[in-house]
Amino acid sequence: MIRRKYIRQTVSQLLKDYGINEAPVDVTALAEKMGIKVLPTEADDSLSGFLFRGEGAQQPVIGVNSAHHERRQRFTIAHELGHYVLHGSEKIHYDDKSRGFQVHLRSPISGEGSDRLEIEANAFAAELLMPASFLEKDLQDVVYLDVIDTDPVLDELVDRYQVSKRSLTLRLSH
C-alpha cells in the first residue's frame, strides 16, 4: 500500500522545517541542508541517479546524471530524497532503467517489492517539487485548466515549478 497521506504530511513538515514556502523548491539546496551531498555525474543515459547512505561519519550522497535535462535532474534528486526520507533501511539505491533493475541493499525485514518503493519515491518527488498547498494557492483563481492542449496557465506553472509538462499534468490528475 502506498502511503500517500504520510508522504504529503512528511513533505509538508520538511518544507516547514526548512522554511520553503514557494516554488520552485531548490532540491539541491534542501538535500545539502539535510546533510546530503549532491553529486552531478556523467553516466549512461539509462542511469538517472543513485542514493548512497554513508556509514558512520560518511556523508550520504545523491548522484544525478549530469547529461539529463535540468528538470529531469531535479526530479531525480527529489526521487532519491524520497528514498532517503521514506526508506531508511536502504544503504544503496541505484536506478538504472536499461538493465531493468534497481540495487537495494536492505535488511531482510524490508524484503517488500521494489515497485512500492519506486512508487513512493515518485510520489514524494512529485509532492516535493509540486506541493499540493502551493498548487492549490496557484490555482485558486483558475476556472478551467486544459491539461491536454497548450494552455498558458499550464505553461506558466511548468515554468514556475521547473518541472516537465508531463510531471505537472500527472500531478494535477492525482
C-alpha atoms as a PDB file:
ATOM      1  CA  MET A   1       0.000   0.000   0.000  1.00  0.00           C
ATOM      2  CA  ILE A   2       1.335   3.425  -0.992  1.00  0.00           C
ATOM      3  CA  ARG A   3       1.472   5.839   1.934  1.00  0.00           C
ATOM      4  CA  ARG A   4       0.243   8.951   0.080  1.00  0.00           C
ATOM      5  CA  LYS A   5      -1.148  10.748   3.140  1.00  0.00           C
ATOM      6  CA  TYR A   6       2.051  10.054   5.078  1.00  0.00           C
ATOM      7  CA  ILE A   7       4.159  11.288   2.157  1.00  0.00           C
ATOM      8  CA  ARG A   8       2.139  14.509   1.889  1.00  0.00           C
ATOM      9  CA  GLN A   9       2.453  15.127   5.640  1.00  0.00           C
ATOM     10  CA  THR A  10       6.182  14.318   5.622  1.00  0.00           C
ATOM     11  CA  VAL A  11       6.906  16.675   2.729  1.00  0.00           C
ATOM     12  CA  SER A  12       4.768  19.393   4.289  1.00  0.00           C
ATOM     13  CA  GLN A  13       6.742  19.134   7.523  1.00  0.00           C
ATOM     14  CA  LEU A  14      10.053  19.106   5.627  1.00  0.00           C
ATOM     15  CA  LEU A  15       9.110  22.281   3.750  1.00  0.00           C
ATOM     16  CA  LYS A  16       8.035  23.919   7.006  1.00  0.00           C
ATOM     17  CA  ASP A  17      11.203  22.839   8.835  1.00  0.00           C
ATOM     18  CA  TYR A  18      13.437  24.304   6.119  1.00  0.00           C
ATOM     19  CA  GLY A  19      11.379  27.473   5.553  1.00  0.00           C
ATOM     20  CA  ILE A  20      10.383  26.667   1.974  1.00  0.00           C
ATOM     21  CA  ASN A  21       7.098  28.361   1.112  1.00  0.00           C
ATOM     22  CA  GLU A  22       7.147  28.966  -2.626  1.00  0.00           C
ATOM     23  CA  ALA A  23       8.038  27.329  -5.902  1.00  0.00           C
ATOM     24  CA  PRO A  24      10.414  26.316  -7.266  1.00  0.00           C
ATOM     25  CA  VAL A  25      11.751  24.135  -4.476  1.00  0.00           C
ATOM     26  CA  ASP A  26      15.559  24.085  -4.659  1.00  0.00           C
ATOM     27  CA  VAL A  27      16.020  20.354  -4.126  1.00  0.00           C
ATOM     28  CA  THR A  28      19.819  20.537  -4.286  1.00  0.00           C
ATOM     29  CA  ALA A  29      19.962  23.163  -1.540  1.00  0.00           C
ATOM     30  CA  LEU A  30      17.420  21.195   0.509  1.00  0.00           C
ATOM     31  CA  ALA A  31      19.465  17.996   0.214  1.00  0.00           C
ATOM     32  CA  GLU A  32      22.602  19.829   1.249  1.00  0.00           C
ATOM     33  CA  LYS A  33      20.832  21.407   4.248  1.00  0.00           C
ATOM     34  CA  MET A  34      19.817  17.858   5.207  1.00  0.00           C
ATOM     35  CA  GLY A  35      23.492  16.862   5.152  1.00  0.00           C
ATOM     36  CA  ILE A  36      23.353  15.043   1.818  1.00  0.00           C
ATOM     37  CA  LYS A  37      25.928  15.751  -0.878  1.00  0.00           C
ATOM     38  CA  VAL A  38      24.504  16.063  -4.395  1.00  0.00           C
ATOM     39  CA  LEU A  39      26.981  14.827  -6.974  1.00  0.00           C
ATOM     40  CA  PRO A  40      26.287  15.501 -10.676  1.00  0.00           C
ATOM     41  CA  THR A  41      27.865  12.569 -12.501  1.00  0.00           C
ATOM     42  CA  GLU A  42      28.429  11.709 -16.145  1.00  0.00           C
ATOM     43  CA  ALA A  43      26.652   8.432 -16.749  1.00  0.00           C
ATOM     44  CA  ASP A  44      24.968   6.292 -19.353  1.00  0.00           C
ATOM     45  CA  ASP A  45      21.588   7.748 -20.315  1.00  0.00           C
ATOM     46  CA  SER A  46      19.792   4.844 -18.630  1.00  0.00           C
ATOM     47  CA  LEU A  47      21.121   5.824 -15.191  1.00  0.00           C
ATOM     48  CA  SER A  48      19.010   8.545 -13.613  1.00  0.00           C
ATOM     49  CA  GLY A  49      20.556   8.601 -10.183  1.00  0.00           C
ATOM     50  CA  PHE A  50      21.532   6.820  -7.039  1.00  0.00           C
ATOM     51  CA  LEU A  51      21.494   7.210  -3.287  1.00  0.00           C
ATOM     52  CA  PHE A  52      24.374   6.073  -1.113  1.00  0.00           C
ATOM     53  CA  ARG A  53      23.674   6.325   2.572  1.00  0.00           C
ATOM     54  CA  GLY A  54      27.038   6.805   4.277  1.00  0.00           C
ATOM     55  CA  GLU A  55      28.183   4.554   7.078  1.00  0.00           C
ATOM     56  CA  GLY A  56      29.400   6.137  10.315  1.00  0.00           C
ATOM     57  CA  ALA A  57      30.950   9.532   9.562  1.00  0.00           C
ATOM     58  CA  GLN A  58      30.479   9.245   5.799  1.00  0.00           C
ATOM     59  CA  GLN A  59      28.130  11.806   4.291  1.00  0.00           C
ATOM     60  CA  PRO A  60      25.154  10.456   2.326  1.00  0.00           C
ATOM     61  CA  VAL A  61      25.409  11.096  -1.435  1.00  0.00           C
ATOM     62  CA  ILE A  62      22.818  11.523  -4.156  1.00  0.00           C
ATOM     63  CA  GLY A  63      24.287  11.027  -7.594  1.00  0.00           C
ATOM     64  CA  VAL A  64      22.421  12.508 -10.539  1.00  0.00           C
ATOM     65  CA  ASN A  65      23.079  12.086 -14.261  1.00  0.00           C
ATOM     66  CA  SER A  66      24.536  15.422 -15.398  1.00  0.00           C
ATOM     67  CA  ALA A  67      23.678  14.630 -19.023  1.00  0.00           C
ATOM     68  CA  HIS A  68      19.947  14.673 -18.301  1.00  0.00           C
ATOM     69  CA  HIS A  69      17.836  17.799 -18.710  1.00  0.00           C
ATOM     70  CA  GLU A  70      17.920  20.113 -15.677  1.00  0.00           C
ATOM     71  CA  ARG A  71      14.261  19.438 -14.885  1.00  0.00           C
ATOM     72  CA  ARG A  72      14.855  15.684 -15.075  1.00  0.00           C
ATOM     73  CA  GLN A  73      17.785  16.103 -12.687  1.00  0.00           C
ATOM     74  CA  ARG A  74      15.541  17.981 -10.240  1.00  0.00           C
ATOM     75  CA  PHE A  75      13.045  15.117 -10.295  1.00  0.00           C
ATOM     76  CA  THR A  76      15.831  12.553  -9.808  1.00  0.00           C
ATOM     77  CA  ILE A  77      17.213  14.418  -6.797  1.00  0.00           C
ATOM     78  CA  ALA A  78      13.711  14.695  -5.307  1.00  0.00           C
ATOM     79  CA  HIS A  79      13.117  10.977  -6.016  1.00  0.00           C
ATOM     80  CA  GLU A  80      16.345   9.962  -4.268  1.00  0.00           C
ATOM     81  CA  LEU A  81      15.478  12.263  -1.349  1.00  0.00           C
ATOM     82  CA  GLY A  82      12.242  10.279  -1.176  1.00  0.00           C
ATOM     83  CA  HIS A  83      14.208   7.061  -0.783  1.00  0.00           C
ATOM     84  CA  TYR A  84      16.386   8.745   1.854  1.00  0.00           C
ATOM     85  CA  VAL A  85      13.452  10.012   3.916  1.00  0.00           C
ATOM     86  CA  LEU A  86      10.998   7.153   3.413  1.00  0.00           C
ATOM     87  CA  HIS A  87      13.177   4.063   3.109  1.00  0.00           C
ATOM     88  CA  GLY A  88      15.789   4.382   5.826  1.00  0.00           C
ATOM     89  CA  SER A  89      16.915   0.767   5.726  1.00  0.00           C
ATOM     90  CA  GLU A  90      18.364   1.077   2.209  1.00  0.00           C
ATOM     91  CA  LYS A  91      22.132   1.510   2.164  1.00  0.00           C
ATOM     92  CA  ILE A  92      22.393   1.913  -1.609  1.00  0.00           C
ATOM     93  CA  HIS A  93      19.663   2.680  -4.123  1.00  0.00           C
ATOM     94  CA  TYR A  94      20.580   2.625  -7.805  1.00  0.00           C
ATOM     95  CA  ASP A  95      18.095   3.494 -10.566  1.00  0.00           C
ATOM     96  CA  ASP A  96      19.208   2.045 -13.901  1.00  0.00           C
ATOM     97  CA  LYS A  97      16.331   1.656 -16.336  1.00  0.00           C
ATOM     98  CA  SER A  98      18.225  -0.106 -19.138  1.00  0.00           C
ATOM     99  CA  ARG A  99      19.042  -3.142 -17.103  1.00  0.00           C
ATOM    100  CA  GLY A 100      15.551  -3.371 -15.662  1.00  0.00           C
ATOM    101  CA  PHE A 101      16.663  -3.500 -12.058  1.00  0.00           C
ATOM    102  CA  GLN A 102      17.417  -1.414  -9.043  1.00  0.00           C
ATOM    103  CA  VAL A 103      20.001  -2.421  -6.473  1.00  0.00           C
ATOM    104  CA  HIS A 104      18.550  -2.368  -2.974  1.00  0.00           C
ATOM    105  CA  LEU A 105      20.750  -3.428  -0.106  1.00  0.00           C
ATOM    106  CA  ARG A 106      18.288  -3.586   2.763  1.00  0.00           C
ATOM    107  CA  SER A 107      17.730  -5.558   5.875  1.00  0.00           C
ATOM    108  CA  PRO A 108      15.969  -8.941   5.440  1.00  0.00           C
ATOM    109  CA  ILE A 109      12.931  -7.490   7.232  1.00  0.00           C
ATOM    110  CA  SER A 110      12.385  -4.944   4.451  1.00  0.00           C
ATOM    111  CA  GLY A 111      12.019  -7.538   1.716  1.00  0.00           C
ATOM    112  CA  GLU A 112       8.978  -5.872   0.196  1.00  0.00           C
ATOM    113  CA  GLY A 113       8.812  -5.412  -3.577  1.00  0.00           C
ATOM    114  CA  SER A 114      10.749  -2.553  -5.118  1.00  0.00           C
ATOM    115  CA  ASP A 115       7.730  -1.389  -7.096  1.00  0.00           C
ATOM    116  CA  ARG A 116       6.155   0.062  -3.956  1.00  0.00           C
ATOM    117  CA  LEU A 117       9.422   1.784  -3.074  1.00  0.00           C
ATOM    118  CA  GLU A 118       9.677   3.359  -6.521  1.00  0.00           C
ATOM    119  CA  ILE A 119       6.056   4.478  -6.493  1.00  0.00           C
ATOM    120  CA  GLU A 120       6.531   6.046  -3.075  1.00  0.00           C
ATOM    121  CA  ALA A 121       9.762   7.780  -4.124  1.00  0.00           C
ATOM    122  CA  ASN A 122       7.994   9.161  -7.212  1.00  0.00           C
ATOM    123  CA  ALA A 123       5.052  10.345  -5.099  1.00  0.00           C
ATOM    124  CA  PHE A 124       7.492  12.012  -2.699  1.00  0.00           C
ATOM    125  CA  ALA A 125       9.291  13.714  -5.602  1.00  0.00           C
ATOM    126  CA  ALA A 126       6.021  14.991  -7.076  1.00  0.00           C
ATOM    127  CA  GLU A 127       4.867  16.288  -3.686  1.00  0.00           C
ATOM    128  CA  LEU A 128       8.233  17.946  -3.016  1.00  0.00           C
ATOM    129  CA  LEU A 129       8.530  19.617  -6.421  1.00  0.00           C
ATOM    130  CA  MET A 130       4.825  20.484  -6.680  1.00  0.00           C
ATOM    131  CA  PRO A 131       3.403  20.637  -3.154  1.00  0.00           C
ATOM    132  CA  ALA A 132      -0.374  20.379  -3.041  1.00  0.00           C
ATOM    133  CA  SER A 133      -0.638  23.515  -0.889  1.00  0.00           C
ATOM    134  CA  PHE A 134       1.419  25.529  -3.413  1.00  0.00           C
ATOM    135  CA  LEU A 135      -0.655  24.272  -6.356  1.00  0.00           C
ATOM    136  CA  GLU A 136      -3.920  24.993  -4.556  1.00  0.00           C
ATOM    137  CA  LYS A 137      -2.776  28.555  -3.956  1.00  0.00           C
ATOM    138  CA  ASP A 138      -1.626  28.999  -7.566  1.00  0.00           C
ATOM    139  CA  LEU A 139      -4.831  27.528  -8.966  1.00  0.00           C
ATOM    140  CA  GLN A 140      -7.356  29.179  -6.650  1.00  0.00           C
ATOM    141  CA  ASP A 141      -8.468  31.701  -9.304  1.00  0.00           C
ATOM    142  CA  VAL A 142      -8.287  29.328 -12.280  1.00  0.00           C
ATOM    143  CA  VAL A 143     -11.735  28.358 -13.512  1.00  0.00           C
ATOM    144  CA  TYR A 144     -10.631  25.892 -16.189  1.00  0.00           C
ATOM    145  CA  LEU A 145      -7.281  24.294 -16.973  1.00  0.00           C
ATOM    146  CA  ASP A 146      -6.815  22.297 -20.165  1.00  0.00           C
ATOM    147  CA  VAL A 147      -4.078  19.820 -19.301  1.00  0.00           C
ATOM    148  CA  ILE A 148      -4.207  18.174 -22.736  1.00  0.00           C
ATOM    149  CA  ASP A 149      -3.751  21.121 -25.088  1.00  0.00           C
ATOM    150  CA  THR A 150      -1.383  24.018 -24.745  1.00  0.00           C
ATOM    151  CA  ASP A 151      -2.763  26.193 -22.001  1.00  0.00           C
ATOM    152  CA  PRO A 152      -0.975  29.385 -20.946  1.00  0.00           C
ATOM    153  CA  VAL A 153      -1.707  28.670 -17.265  1.00  0.00           C
ATOM    154  CA  LEU A 154      -0.201  25.189 -17.598  1.00  0.00           C
ATOM    155  CA  ASP A 155       2.867  26.636 -19.323  1.00  0.00           C
ATOM    156  CA  GLU A 156       3.222  29.225 -16.560  1.00  0.00           C
ATOM    157  CA  LEU A 157       3.028  26.540 -13.863  1.00  0.00           C
ATOM    158  CA  VAL A 158       5.597  24.375 -15.660  1.00  0.00           C
ATOM    159  CA  ASP A 159       7.999  27.321 -15.615  1.00  0.00           C
ATOM    160  CA  ARG A 160       7.224  28.302 -12.018  1.00  0.00           C
ATOM    161  CA  TYR A 161       7.744  24.794 -10.641  1.00  0.00           C
ATOM    162  CA  GLN A 162      10.588  23.948 -13.063  1.00  0.00           C
ATOM    163  CA  VAL A 163       9.135  20.569 -13.912  1.00  0.00           C
ATOM    164  CA  SER A 164       8.174  18.850 -17.138  1.00  0.00           C
ATOM    165  CA  LYS A 165       4.683  19.279 -18.534  1.00  0.00           C
ATOM    166  CA  ARG A 166       4.181  15.525 -18.136  1.00  0.00           C
ATOM    167  CA  SER A 167       5.080  15.658 -14.425  1.00  0.00           C
ATOM    168  CA  LEU A 168       2.738  18.570 -13.826  1.00  0.00           C
ATOM    169  CA  THR A 169      -0.202  17.022 -15.673  1.00  0.00           C
ATOM    170  CA  LEU A 170       0.284  13.739 -13.794  1.00  0.00           C
ATOM    171  CA  ARG A 171       0.452  15.651 -10.520  1.00  0.00           C
ATOM    172  CA  LEU A 172      -2.709  17.595 -11.265  1.00  0.00           C
ATOM    173  CA  SER A 173      -4.567  14.389 -12.079  1.00  0.00           C
ATOM    174  CA  HIS A 174      -3.906  12.901  -8.586  1.00  0.00           C
END
